[in-house]
PDB file of all heavy atoms in Angstrom:
ATOM      1  N   ARG A   1     -23.951 -37.149 -45.331  1.00  0.00           N
ATOM      2  CA  ARG A   1     -24.997 -36.452 -44.589  1.00  0.00           C
ATOM      3  C   ARG A   1     -25.816 -37.469 -43.798  1.00  0.00           C
ATOM      4  O   ARG A   1     -26.087 -37.267 -42.597  1.00  0.00           O
ATOM      5  CB  ARG A   1     -25.908 -35.683 -45.537  1.00  0.00           C
ATOM      6  CG  ARG A   1     -25.180 -34.516 -46.253  1.00  0.00           C
ATOM      7  CD  ARG A   1     -26.090 -33.868 -47.294  1.00  0.00           C
ATOM      8  NE  ARG A   1     -25.437 -32.826 -48.026  1.00  0.00           N
ATOM      9  CZ  ARG A   1     -25.402 -31.529 -47.626  1.00  0.00           C
ATOM     10  NH1 ARG A   1     -26.064 -31.164 -46.534  1.00  0.00           N
ATOM     11  NH2 ARG A   1     -24.753 -30.595 -48.303  1.00  0.00           N
ATOM     12  N   PHE A   2     -26.153 -38.562 -44.428  1.00  0.00           N
ATOM     13  CA  PHE A   2     -26.936 -39.627 -43.762  1.00  0.00           C
ATOM     14  C   PHE A   2     -26.111 -40.245 -42.611  1.00  0.00           C
ATOM     15  O   PHE A   2     -26.651 -40.512 -41.524  1.00  0.00           O
ATOM     16  CB  PHE A   2     -27.376 -40.680 -44.721  1.00  0.00           C
ATOM     17  CG  PHE A   2     -28.426 -40.254 -45.714  1.00  0.00           C
ATOM     18  CD1 PHE A   2     -28.795 -41.052 -46.746  1.00  0.00           C
ATOM     19  CD2 PHE A   2     -29.032 -38.987 -45.612  1.00  0.00           C
ATOM     20  CE1 PHE A   2     -29.761 -40.669 -47.670  1.00  0.00           C
ATOM     21  CE2 PHE A   2     -29.982 -38.583 -46.525  1.00  0.00           C
ATOM     22  CZ  PHE A   2     -30.384 -39.423 -47.559  1.00  0.00           C
ATOM     23  N   ASP A   3     -24.833 -40.469 -42.862  1.00  0.00           N
ATOM     24  CA  ASP A   3     -23.972 -41.065 -41.834  1.00  0.00           C
ATOM     25  C   ASP A   3     -23.905 -40.200 -40.580  1.00  0.00           C
ATOM     26  O   ASP A   3     -23.887 -40.736 -39.465  1.00  0.00           O
ATOM     27  CB  ASP A   3     -22.550 -41.293 -42.395  1.00  0.00           C
ATOM     28  CG  ASP A   3     -22.501 -42.410 -43.426  1.00  0.00           C
ATOM     29  OD1 ASP A   3     -23.484 -43.152 -43.561  1.00  0.00           O
ATOM     30  OD2 ASP A   3     -21.477 -42.517 -44.138  1.00  0.00           O
ATOM     31  N   ASN A   4     -23.848 -38.914 -40.773  1.00  0.00           N
ATOM     32  CA  ASN A   4     -23.849 -37.991 -39.632  1.00  0.00           C
ATOM     33  C   ASN A   4     -25.127 -38.096 -38.851  1.00  0.00           C
ATOM     34  O   ASN A   4     -25.120 -37.995 -37.582  1.00  0.00           O
ATOM     35  CB  ASN A   4     -23.624 -36.566 -40.081  1.00  0.00           C
ATOM     36  CG  ASN A   4     -22.212 -36.307 -40.641  1.00  0.00           C
ATOM     37  OD1 ASN A   4     -21.261 -37.003 -40.264  1.00  0.00           O
ATOM     38  ND2 ASN A   4     -22.081 -35.331 -41.502  1.00  0.00           N
ATOM     39  N   LEU A   5     -26.234 -38.305 -39.527  1.00  0.00           N
ATOM     40  CA  LEU A   5     -27.527 -38.424 -38.833  1.00  0.00           C
ATOM     41  C   LEU A   5     -27.621 -39.725 -38.058  1.00  0.00           C
ATOM     42  O   LEU A   5     -28.358 -39.770 -37.051  1.00  0.00           O
ATOM     43  CB  LEU A   5     -28.691 -38.352 -39.865  1.00  0.00           C
ATOM     44  CG  LEU A   5     -28.881 -36.992 -40.562  1.00  0.00           C
ATOM     45  CD1 LEU A   5     -30.014 -37.127 -41.622  1.00  0.00           C
ATOM     46  CD2 LEU A   5     -29.265 -35.935 -39.536  1.00  0.00           C
ATOM     47  N   THR A   6     -26.958 -40.785 -38.469  1.00  0.00           N
ATOM     48  CA  THR A   6     -27.023 -42.033 -37.735  1.00  0.00           C
ATOM     49  C   THR A   6     -26.511 -41.859 -36.303  1.00  0.00           C
ATOM     50  O   THR A   6     -27.046 -42.473 -35.375  1.00  0.00           O
ATOM     51  CB  THR A   6     -26.218 -43.148 -38.421  1.00  0.00           C
ATOM     52  OG1 THR A   6     -24.823 -42.782 -38.488  1.00  0.00           O
ATOM     53  CG2 THR A   6     -26.753 -43.410 -39.823  1.00  0.00           C
ATOM     54  N   THR A   7     -25.489 -41.038 -36.142  1.00  0.00           N
ATOM     55  CA  THR A   7     -24.966 -40.776 -34.786  1.00  0.00           C
ATOM     56  C   THR A   7     -25.947 -39.987 -33.978  1.00  0.00           C
ATOM     57  O   THR A   7     -26.147 -40.256 -32.785  1.00  0.00           O
ATOM     58  CB  THR A   7     -23.612 -40.013 -34.891  1.00  0.00           C
ATOM     59  OG1 THR A   7     -22.682 -40.784 -35.675  1.00  0.00           O
ATOM     60  CG2 THR A   7     -23.015 -39.799 -33.519  1.00  0.00           C
ATOM     61  N   VAL A   8     -26.587 -38.999 -34.614  1.00  0.00           N
ATOM     62  CA  VAL A   8     -27.533 -38.145 -33.907  1.00  0.00           C
ATOM     63  C   VAL A   8     -28.730 -38.946 -33.408  1.00  0.00           C
ATOM     64  O   VAL A   8     -29.200 -38.781 -32.284  1.00  0.00           O
ATOM     65  CB  VAL A   8     -28.003 -37.008 -34.822  1.00  0.00           C
ATOM     66  CG1 VAL A   8     -29.138 -36.213 -34.179  1.00  0.00           C
ATOM     67  CG2 VAL A   8     -26.863 -36.115 -35.255  1.00  0.00           C
ATOM     68  N   HIS A   9     -29.207 -39.866 -34.222  1.00  0.00           N
ATOM     69  CA  HIS A   9     -30.447 -40.621 -33.914  1.00  0.00           C
ATOM     70  C   HIS A   9     -30.200 -42.032 -33.367  1.00  0.00           C
ATOM     71  O   HIS A   9     -31.164 -42.794 -33.199  1.00  0.00           O
ATOM     72  CB  HIS A   9     -31.354 -40.649 -35.128  1.00  0.00           C
ATOM     73  CG  HIS A   9     -31.815 -39.305 -35.555  1.00  0.00           C
ATOM     74  ND1 HIS A   9     -32.548 -38.469 -34.810  1.00  0.00           N
ATOM     75  CD2 HIS A   9     -31.597 -38.623 -36.741  1.00  0.00           C
ATOM     76  CE1 HIS A   9     -32.803 -37.346 -35.446  1.00  0.00           C
ATOM     77  NE2 HIS A   9     -32.224 -37.397 -36.629  1.00  0.00           N
ATOM     78  N   ASN A  10     -28.955 -42.388 -33.141  1.00  0.00           N
ATOM     79  CA  ASN A  10     -28.603 -43.676 -32.507  1.00  0.00           C
ATOM     80  C   ASN A  10     -29.155 -44.833 -33.295  1.00  0.00           C
ATOM     81  O   ASN A  10     -29.819 -45.780 -32.756  1.00  0.00           O
ATOM     82  CB  ASN A  10     -29.146 -43.727 -31.062  1.00  0.00           C
ATOM     83  CG  ASN A  10     -28.570 -44.839 -30.262  1.00  0.00           C
ATOM     84  OD1 ASN A  10     -27.452 -45.275 -30.526  1.00  0.00           O
ATOM     85  ND2 ASN A  10     -29.309 -45.377 -29.292  1.00  0.00           N
ATOM     86  N   VAL A  11     -28.917 -44.868 -34.599  1.00  0.00           N
ATOM     87  CA  VAL A  11     -29.249 -45.984 -35.444  1.00  0.00           C
ATOM     88  C   VAL A  11     -27.999 -46.540 -36.055  1.00  0.00           C
ATOM     89  O   VAL A  11     -26.993 -45.806 -36.177  1.00  0.00           O
ATOM     90  CB  VAL A  11     -30.288 -45.626 -36.556  1.00  0.00           C
ATOM     91  CG1 VAL A  11     -31.590 -45.209 -35.931  1.00  0.00           C
ATOM     92  CG2 VAL A  11     -29.702 -44.542 -37.459  1.00  0.00           C
ATOM     93  N   TYR A  12     -28.025 -47.806 -36.470  1.00  0.00           N
ATOM     94  CA  TYR A  12     -26.847 -48.457 -37.033  1.00  0.00           C
ATOM     95  C   TYR A  12     -27.027 -48.595 -38.544  1.00  0.00           C
ATOM     96  O   TYR A  12     -28.011 -49.102 -39.021  1.00  0.00           O
ATOM     97  CB  TYR A  12     -26.608 -49.827 -36.400  1.00  0.00           C
ATOM     98  CG  TYR A  12     -25.551 -50.647 -37.092  1.00  0.00           C
ATOM     99  CD1 TYR A  12     -24.243 -50.209 -37.111  1.00  0.00           C
ATOM    100  CD2 TYR A  12     -25.868 -51.824 -37.786  1.00  0.00           C
ATOM    101  CE1 TYR A  12     -23.244 -50.918 -37.784  1.00  0.00           C
ATOM    102  CE2 TYR A  12     -24.864 -52.537 -38.435  1.00  0.00           C
ATOM    103  CZ  TYR A  12     -23.573 -52.087 -38.427  1.00  0.00           C
ATOM    104  OH  TYR A  12     -22.599 -52.798 -39.077  1.00  0.00           O
ATOM    105  N   LYS A  13     -26.026 -48.098 -39.283  1.00  0.00           N
ATOM    106  CA  LYS A  13     -26.020 -48.219 -40.737  1.00  0.00           C
ATOM    107  C   LYS A  13     -25.574 -49.625 -41.110  1.00  0.00           C
ATOM    108  O   LYS A  13     -24.432 -50.024 -40.830  1.00  0.00           O
ATOM    109  CB  LYS A  13     -25.066 -47.177 -41.346  1.00  0.00           C
ATOM    110  CG  LYS A  13     -24.868 -47.328 -42.870  1.00  0.00           C
ATOM    111  CD  LYS A  13     -23.821 -46.356 -43.354  1.00  0.00           C
ATOM    112  CE  LYS A  13     -23.467 -46.545 -44.775  1.00  0.00           C
ATOM    113  NZ  LYS A  13     -22.374 -45.623 -45.211  1.00  0.00           N
ATOM    114  N   VAL A  14     -26.463 -50.382 -41.703  1.00  0.00           N
ATOM    115  CA  VAL A  14     -26.150 -51.777 -42.070  1.00  0.00           C
ATOM    116  C   VAL A  14     -25.321 -51.808 -43.335  1.00  0.00           C
ATOM    117  O   VAL A  14     -24.257 -52.407 -43.379  1.00  0.00           O
ATOM    118  CB  VAL A  14     -27.456 -52.600 -42.263  1.00  0.00           C
ATOM    119  CG1 VAL A  14     -27.124 -54.027 -42.625  1.00  0.00           C
ATOM    120  CG2 VAL A  14     -28.288 -52.526 -40.995  1.00  0.00           C
ATOM    121  N   GLU A  15     -25.753 -51.167 -44.403  1.00  0.00           N
ATOM    122  CA  GLU A  15     -25.058 -51.187 -45.670  1.00  0.00           C
ATOM    123  C   GLU A  15     -25.628 -50.215 -46.657  1.00  0.00           C
ATOM    124  O   GLU A  15     -26.719 -49.658 -46.436  1.00  0.00           O
ATOM    125  CB  GLU A  15     -25.089 -52.601 -46.259  1.00  0.00           C
ATOM    126  CG  GLU A  15     -26.461 -53.100 -46.642  1.00  0.00           C
ATOM    127  CD  GLU A  15     -26.421 -54.532 -47.204  1.00  0.00           C
ATOM    128  OE1 GLU A  15     -25.329 -55.018 -47.450  1.00  0.00           O
ATOM    129  OE2 GLU A  15     -27.512 -55.077 -47.393  1.00  0.00           O
ATOM    130  N   THR A  16     -24.896 -49.994 -47.730  1.00  0.00           N
ATOM    131  CA  THR A  16     -25.408 -49.260 -48.918  1.00  0.00           C
ATOM    132  C   THR A  16     -25.144 -50.118 -50.123  1.00  0.00           C
ATOM    133  O   THR A  16     -24.072 -50.693 -50.275  1.00  0.00           O
ATOM    134  CB  THR A  16     -24.710 -47.889 -49.046  1.00  0.00           C
ATOM    135  OG1 THR A  16     -23.275 -48.102 -49.180  1.00  0.00           O
ATOM    136  CG2 THR A  16     -24.991 -46.969 -47.871  1.00  0.00           C
ATOM    137  N   ILE A  17     -26.147 -50.197 -50.992  1.00  0.00           N
ATOM    138  CA  ILE A  17     -26.027 -50.871 -52.280  1.00  0.00           C
ATOM    139  C   ILE A  17     -26.535 -49.949 -53.336  1.00  0.00           C
ATOM    140  O   ILE A  17     -27.702 -49.611 -53.389  1.00  0.00           O
ATOM    141  CB  ILE A  17     -26.815 -52.219 -52.270  1.00  0.00           C
ATOM    142  CG1 ILE A  17     -26.370 -53.149 -51.155  1.00  0.00           C
ATOM    143  CG2 ILE A  17     -26.673 -52.899 -53.631  1.00  0.00           C
ATOM    144  CD1 ILE A  17     -27.198 -54.366 -50.999  1.00  0.00           C
ATOM    145  N   ARG A  18     -25.611 -49.489 -54.202  1.00  0.00           N
ATOM    146  CA  ARG A  18     -25.941 -48.482 -55.183  1.00  0.00           C
ATOM    147  C   ARG A  18     -26.551 -47.276 -54.484  1.00  0.00           C
ATOM    148  O   ARG A  18     -25.926 -46.644 -53.605  1.00  0.00           O
ATOM    149  CB  ARG A  18     -26.859 -49.019 -56.251  1.00  0.00           C
ATOM    150  CG  ARG A  18     -26.205 -50.106 -57.131  1.00  0.00           C
ATOM    151  CD  ARG A  18     -27.108 -50.663 -58.209  1.00  0.00           C
ATOM    152  NE  ARG A  18     -27.428 -49.653 -59.191  1.00  0.00           N
ATOM    153  CZ  ARG A  18     -28.681 -49.282 -59.499  1.00  0.00           C
ATOM    154  NH1 ARG A  18     -29.742 -49.864 -58.928  1.00  0.00           N
ATOM    155  NH2 ARG A  18     -28.880 -48.396 -60.453  1.00  0.00           N
ATOM    156  N   ASP A  19     -27.811 -46.953 -54.754  1.00  0.00           N
ATOM    157  CA  ASP A  19     -28.458 -45.803 -54.139  1.00  0.00           C
ATOM    158  C   ASP A  19     -29.294 -46.169 -52.936  1.00  0.00           C
ATOM    159  O   ASP A  19     -29.953 -45.358 -52.332  1.00  0.00           O
ATOM    160  CB  ASP A  19     -29.352 -45.065 -55.150  1.00  0.00           C
ATOM    161  CG  ASP A  19     -30.470 -45.928 -55.689  1.00  0.00           C
ATOM    162  OD1 ASP A  19     -30.216 -47.135 -55.929  1.00  0.00           O
ATOM    163  OD2 ASP A  19     -31.593 -45.404 -55.845  1.00  0.00           O
ATOM    164  N   ALA A  20     -29.288 -47.460 -52.557  1.00  0.00           N
ATOM    165  CA  ALA A  20     -30.087 -47.943 -51.407  1.00  0.00           C
ATOM    166  C   ALA A  20     -29.278 -47.769 -50.146  1.00  0.00           C
ATOM    167  O   ALA A  20     -28.108 -48.088 -50.072  1.00  0.00           O
ATOM    168  CB  ALA A  20     -30.471 -49.377 -51.599  1.00  0.00           C
ATOM    169  N   TYR A  21     -29.952 -47.245 -49.095  1.00  0.00           N
ATOM    170  CA  TYR A  21     -29.317 -46.984 -47.824  1.00  0.00           C
ATOM    171  C   TYR A  21     -30.159 -47.680 -46.746  1.00  0.00           C
ATOM    172  O   TYR A  21     -31.373 -47.480 -46.677  1.00  0.00           O
ATOM    173  CB  TYR A  21     -29.290 -45.460 -47.593  1.00  0.00           C
ATOM    174  CG  TYR A  21     -28.386 -45.004 -46.438  1.00  0.00           C
ATOM    175  CD1 TYR A  21     -27.087 -44.661 -46.652  1.00  0.00           C
ATOM    176  CD2 TYR A  21     -28.905 -44.896 -45.145  1.00  0.00           C
ATOM    177  CE1 TYR A  21     -26.277 -44.197 -45.610  1.00  0.00           C
ATOM    178  CE2 TYR A  21     -28.111 -44.464 -44.070  1.00  0.00           C
ATOM    179  CZ  TYR A  21     -26.801 -44.126 -44.350  1.00  0.00           C
ATOM    180  OH  TYR A  21     -25.985 -43.703 -43.308  1.00  0.00           O
ATOM    181  N   MET A  22     -29.511 -48.469 -45.922  1.00  0.00           N
ATOM    182  CA  MET A  22     -30.242 -49.307 -44.963  1.00  0.00           C
ATOM    183  C   MET A  22     -29.720 -49.039 -43.523  1.00  0.00           C
ATOM    184  O   MET A  22     -28.527 -49.089 -43.282  1.00  0.00           O
ATOM    185  CB  MET A  22     -30.083 -50.765 -45.292  1.00  0.00           C
ATOM    186  CG  MET A  22     -30.740 -51.762 -44.318  1.00  0.00           C
ATOM    187  SD  MET A  22     -30.347 -53.468 -44.788  1.00  0.00           S
ATOM    188  CE  MET A  22     -31.196 -54.372 -43.481  1.00  0.00           C
ATOM    189  N   VAL A  23     -30.643 -48.802 -42.589  1.00  0.00           N
ATOM    190  CA  VAL A  23     -30.259 -48.640 -41.174  1.00  0.00           C
ATOM    191  C   VAL A  23     -31.226 -49.463 -40.316  1.00  0.00           C
ATOM    192  O   VAL A  23     -32.301 -49.855 -40.755  1.00  0.00           O
ATOM    193  CB  VAL A  23     -30.323 -47.138 -40.703  1.00  0.00           C
ATOM    194  CG1 VAL A  23     -29.389 -46.278 -41.545  1.00  0.00           C
ATOM    195  CG2 VAL A  23     -31.740 -46.615 -40.792  1.00  0.00           C
ATOM    196  N   VAL A  24     -30.793 -49.676 -39.086  1.00  0.00           N
ATOM    197  CA  VAL A  24     -31.603 -50.486 -38.149  1.00  0.00           C
ATOM    198  C   VAL A  24     -31.419 -49.955 -36.745  1.00  0.00           C
ATOM    199  O   VAL A  24     -30.354 -49.372 -36.408  1.00  0.00           O
ATOM    200  CB  VAL A  24     -31.216 -51.985 -38.215  1.00  0.00           C
ATOM    201  CG1 VAL A  24     -29.795 -52.189 -37.745  1.00  0.00           C
ATOM    202  CG2 VAL A  24     -32.188 -52.842 -37.398  1.00  0.00           C
ATOM    203  N   SER A  25     -32.387 -50.115 -35.918  1.00  0.00           N
ATOM    204  CA  SER A  25     -32.244 -49.842 -34.466  1.00  0.00           C
ATOM    205  C   SER A  25     -32.795 -51.045 -33.710  1.00  0.00           C
ATOM    206  O   SER A  25     -33.805 -51.689 -34.151  1.00  0.00           O
ATOM    207  CB  SER A  25     -33.052 -48.589 -34.077  1.00  0.00           C
ATOM    208  OG  SER A  25     -32.885 -48.353 -32.673  1.00  0.00           O
ATOM    209  N   GLY A  26     -32.133 -51.407 -32.615  1.00  0.00           N
ATOM    210  CA  GLY A  26     -32.486 -52.600 -31.865  1.00  0.00           C
ATOM    211  C   GLY A  26     -31.509 -53.758 -32.113  1.00  0.00           C
ATOM    212  O   GLY A  26     -31.668 -54.798 -31.502  1.00  0.00           O
ATOM    213  N   VAL A  27     -30.576 -53.545 -32.968  1.00  0.00           N
ATOM    214  CA  VAL A  27     -29.539 -54.538 -33.338  1.00  0.00           C
ATOM    215  C   VAL A  27     -28.192 -53.823 -33.414  1.00  0.00           C
ATOM    216  O   VAL A  27     -28.108 -52.758 -34.050  1.00  0.00           O
ATOM    217  CB  VAL A  27     -29.822 -55.230 -34.686  1.00  0.00           C
ATOM    218  CG1 VAL A  27     -28.726 -56.190 -35.073  1.00  0.00           C
ATOM    219  CG2 VAL A  27     -31.184 -55.919 -34.646  1.00  0.00           C
ATOM    220  N   PRO A  28     -27.108 -54.387 -32.849  1.00  0.00           N
ATOM    221  CA  PRO A  28     -27.017 -55.565 -32.019  1.00  0.00           C
ATOM    222  C   PRO A  28     -27.325 -55.266 -30.542  1.00  0.00           C
ATOM    223  O   PRO A  28     -27.366 -56.139 -29.718  1.00  0.00           O
ATOM    224  CB  PRO A  28     -25.570 -56.002 -32.187  1.00  0.00           C
ATOM    225  CG  PRO A  28     -24.830 -54.752 -32.335  1.00  0.00           C
ATOM    226  CD  PRO A  28     -25.758 -53.855 -33.141  1.00  0.00           C
ATOM    227  N   THR A  29     -27.526 -53.953 -30.220  1.00  0.00           N
ATOM    228  CA  THR A  29     -27.890 -53.538 -28.859  1.00  0.00           C
ATOM    229  C   THR A  29     -29.383 -53.435 -28.774  1.00  0.00           C
ATOM    230  O   THR A  29     -29.988 -52.605 -29.485  1.00  0.00           O
ATOM    231  CB  THR A  29     -27.191 -52.247 -28.475  1.00  0.00           C
ATOM    232  OG1 THR A  29     -25.776 -52.394 -28.606  1.00  0.00           O
ATOM    233  CG2 THR A  29     -27.517 -51.871 -27.034  1.00  0.00           C
ATOM    234  N   ARG A  30     -29.986 -54.233 -27.962  1.00  0.00           N
ATOM    235  CA  ARG A  30     -31.424 -54.244 -27.826  1.00  0.00           C
ATOM    236  C   ARG A  30     -31.892 -52.946 -27.150  1.00  0.00           C
ATOM    237  O   ARG A  30     -31.246 -52.465 -26.197  1.00  0.00           O
ATOM    238  CB  ARG A  30     -31.917 -55.442 -27.020  1.00  0.00           C
ATOM    239  CG  ARG A  30     -31.771 -56.764 -27.775  1.00  0.00           C
ATOM    240  CD  ARG A  30     -32.130 -57.936 -26.897  1.00  0.00           C
ATOM    241  NE  ARG A  30     -32.169 -59.183 -27.668  1.00  0.00           N
ATOM    242  CZ  ARG A  30     -31.135 -59.913 -28.004  1.00  0.00           C
ATOM    243  NH1 ARG A  30     -29.934 -59.544 -27.604  1.00  0.00           N
ATOM    244  NH2 ARG A  30     -31.261 -61.021 -28.722  1.00  0.00           N
ATOM    245  N   THR A  31     -33.005 -52.370 -27.633  1.00  0.00           N
ATOM    246  CA  THR A  31     -33.559 -51.163 -27.043  1.00  0.00           C
ATOM    247  C   THR A  31     -35.056 -51.140 -27.252  1.00  0.00           C
ATOM    248  O   THR A  31     -35.569 -51.611 -28.286  1.00  0.00           O
ATOM    249  CB  THR A  31     -32.930 -49.902 -27.658  1.00  0.00           C
ATOM    250  OG1 THR A  31     -33.593 -48.751 -27.153  1.00  0.00           O
ATOM    251  CG2 THR A  31     -33.014 -49.933 -29.177  1.00  0.00           C
ATOM    252  N   ASN A  32     -35.768 -50.592 -26.265  1.00  0.00           N
ATOM    253  CA  ASN A  32     -37.223 -50.477 -26.408  1.00  0.00           C
ATOM    254  C   ASN A  32     -37.627 -49.269 -27.241  1.00  0.00           C
ATOM    255  O   ASN A  32     -38.796 -49.143 -27.612  1.00  0.00           O
ATOM    256  CB  ASN A  32     -37.848 -50.373 -25.011  1.00  0.00           C
ATOM    257  CG  ASN A  32     -37.704 -51.665 -24.217  1.00  0.00           C
ATOM    258  OD1 ASN A  32     -37.756 -52.755 -24.788  1.00  0.00           O
ATOM    259  ND2 ASN A  32     -37.558 -51.546 -22.895  1.00  0.00           N
ATOM    260  N   SER A  33     -36.699 -48.389 -27.554  1.00  0.00           N
ATOM    261  CA  SER A  33     -36.999 -47.185 -28.341  1.00  0.00           C
ATOM    262  C   SER A  33     -36.552 -47.353 -29.773  1.00  0.00           C
ATOM    263  O   SER A  33     -36.278 -46.353 -30.473  1.00  0.00           O
ATOM    264  CB  SER A  33     -36.321 -45.953 -27.694  1.00  0.00           C
ATOM    265  OG  SER A  33     -34.913 -46.165 -27.664  1.00  0.00           O
ATOM    266  N   HIS A  34     -36.481 -48.584 -30.291  1.00  0.00           N
ATOM    267  CA  HIS A  34     -36.043 -48.807 -31.683  1.00  0.00           C
ATOM    268  C   HIS A  34     -36.885 -48.099 -32.709  1.00  0.00           C
ATOM    269  O   HIS A  34     -36.418 -47.534 -33.657  1.00  0.00           O
ATOM    270  CB  HIS A  34     -35.966 -50.325 -31.958  1.00  0.00           C
ATOM    271  CG  HIS A  34     -37.262 -51.022 -31.763  1.00  0.00           C
ATOM    272  ND1 HIS A  34     -38.167 -51.223 -32.751  1.00  0.00           N
ATOM    273  CD2 HIS A  34     -37.778 -51.621 -30.641  1.00  0.00           C
ATOM    274  CE1 HIS A  34     -39.218 -51.907 -32.282  1.00  0.00           C
ATOM    275  NE2 HIS A  34     -39.015 -52.146 -31.001  1.00  0.00           N
ATOM    276  N   ALA A  35     -38.232 -48.123 -32.495  1.00  0.00           N
ATOM    277  CA  ALA A  35     -39.148 -47.518 -33.449  1.00  0.00           C
ATOM    278  C   ALA A  35     -38.975 -45.978 -33.443  1.00  0.00           C
ATOM    279  O   ALA A  35     -38.936 -45.339 -34.518  1.00  0.00           O
ATOM    280  CB  ALA A  35     -40.582 -47.861 -33.156  1.00  0.00           C
ATOM    281  N   GLU A  36     -38.811 -45.391 -32.265  1.00  0.00           N
ATOM    282  CA  GLU A  36     -38.650 -43.939 -32.180  1.00  0.00           C
ATOM    283  C   GLU A  36     -37.316 -43.528 -32.816  1.00  0.00           C
ATOM    284  O   GLU A  36     -37.236 -42.511 -33.497  1.00  0.00           O
ATOM    285  CB  GLU A  36     -38.671 -43.474 -30.731  1.00  0.00           C
ATOM    286  CG  GLU A  36     -40.016 -43.702 -30.032  1.00  0.00           C
ATOM    287  CD  GLU A  36     -40.035 -44.970 -29.224  1.00  0.00           C
ATOM    288  OE1 GLU A  36     -39.871 -46.081 -29.848  1.00  0.00           O
ATOM    289  OE2 GLU A  36     -40.188 -44.933 -28.000  1.00  0.00           O
ATOM    290  N   ASN A  37     -36.240 -44.295 -32.528  1.00  0.00           N
ATOM    291  CA  ASN A  37     -34.943 -43.937 -33.122  1.00  0.00           C
ATOM    292  C   ASN A  37     -35.019 -43.868 -34.651  1.00  0.00           C
ATOM    293  O   ASN A  37     -34.474 -42.941 -35.262  1.00  0.00           O
ATOM    294  CB  ASN A  37     -33.888 -44.974 -32.710  1.00  0.00           C
ATOM    295  CG  ASN A  37     -33.578 -44.896 -31.225  1.00  0.00           C
ATOM    296  OD1 ASN A  37     -33.880 -43.921 -30.582  1.00  0.00           O
ATOM    297  ND2 ASN A  37     -32.993 -45.974 -30.685  1.00  0.00           N
ATOM    298  N   VAL A  38     -35.643 -44.884 -35.240  1.00  0.00           N
ATOM    299  CA  VAL A  38     -35.718 -44.925 -36.701  1.00  0.00           C
ATOM    300  C   VAL A  38     -36.669 -43.847 -37.194  1.00  0.00           C
ATOM    301  O   VAL A  38     -36.432 -43.215 -38.226  1.00  0.00           O
ATOM    302  CB  VAL A  38     -36.149 -46.339 -37.169  1.00  0.00           C
ATOM    303  CG1 VAL A  38     -36.483 -46.295 -38.671  1.00  0.00           C
ATOM    304  CG2 VAL A  38     -35.038 -47.344 -36.893  1.00  0.00           C
TER     305      VAL A  38
END
């Protein structure tokens, strides 16, 4: 479910460790809307 949302909101899934889920915006493609995307 979260993976599907990453496409919708244009964020990059970095990794998952156990129950931890990590995403980022602004890497590796720079964008001024990184805060809004996340």
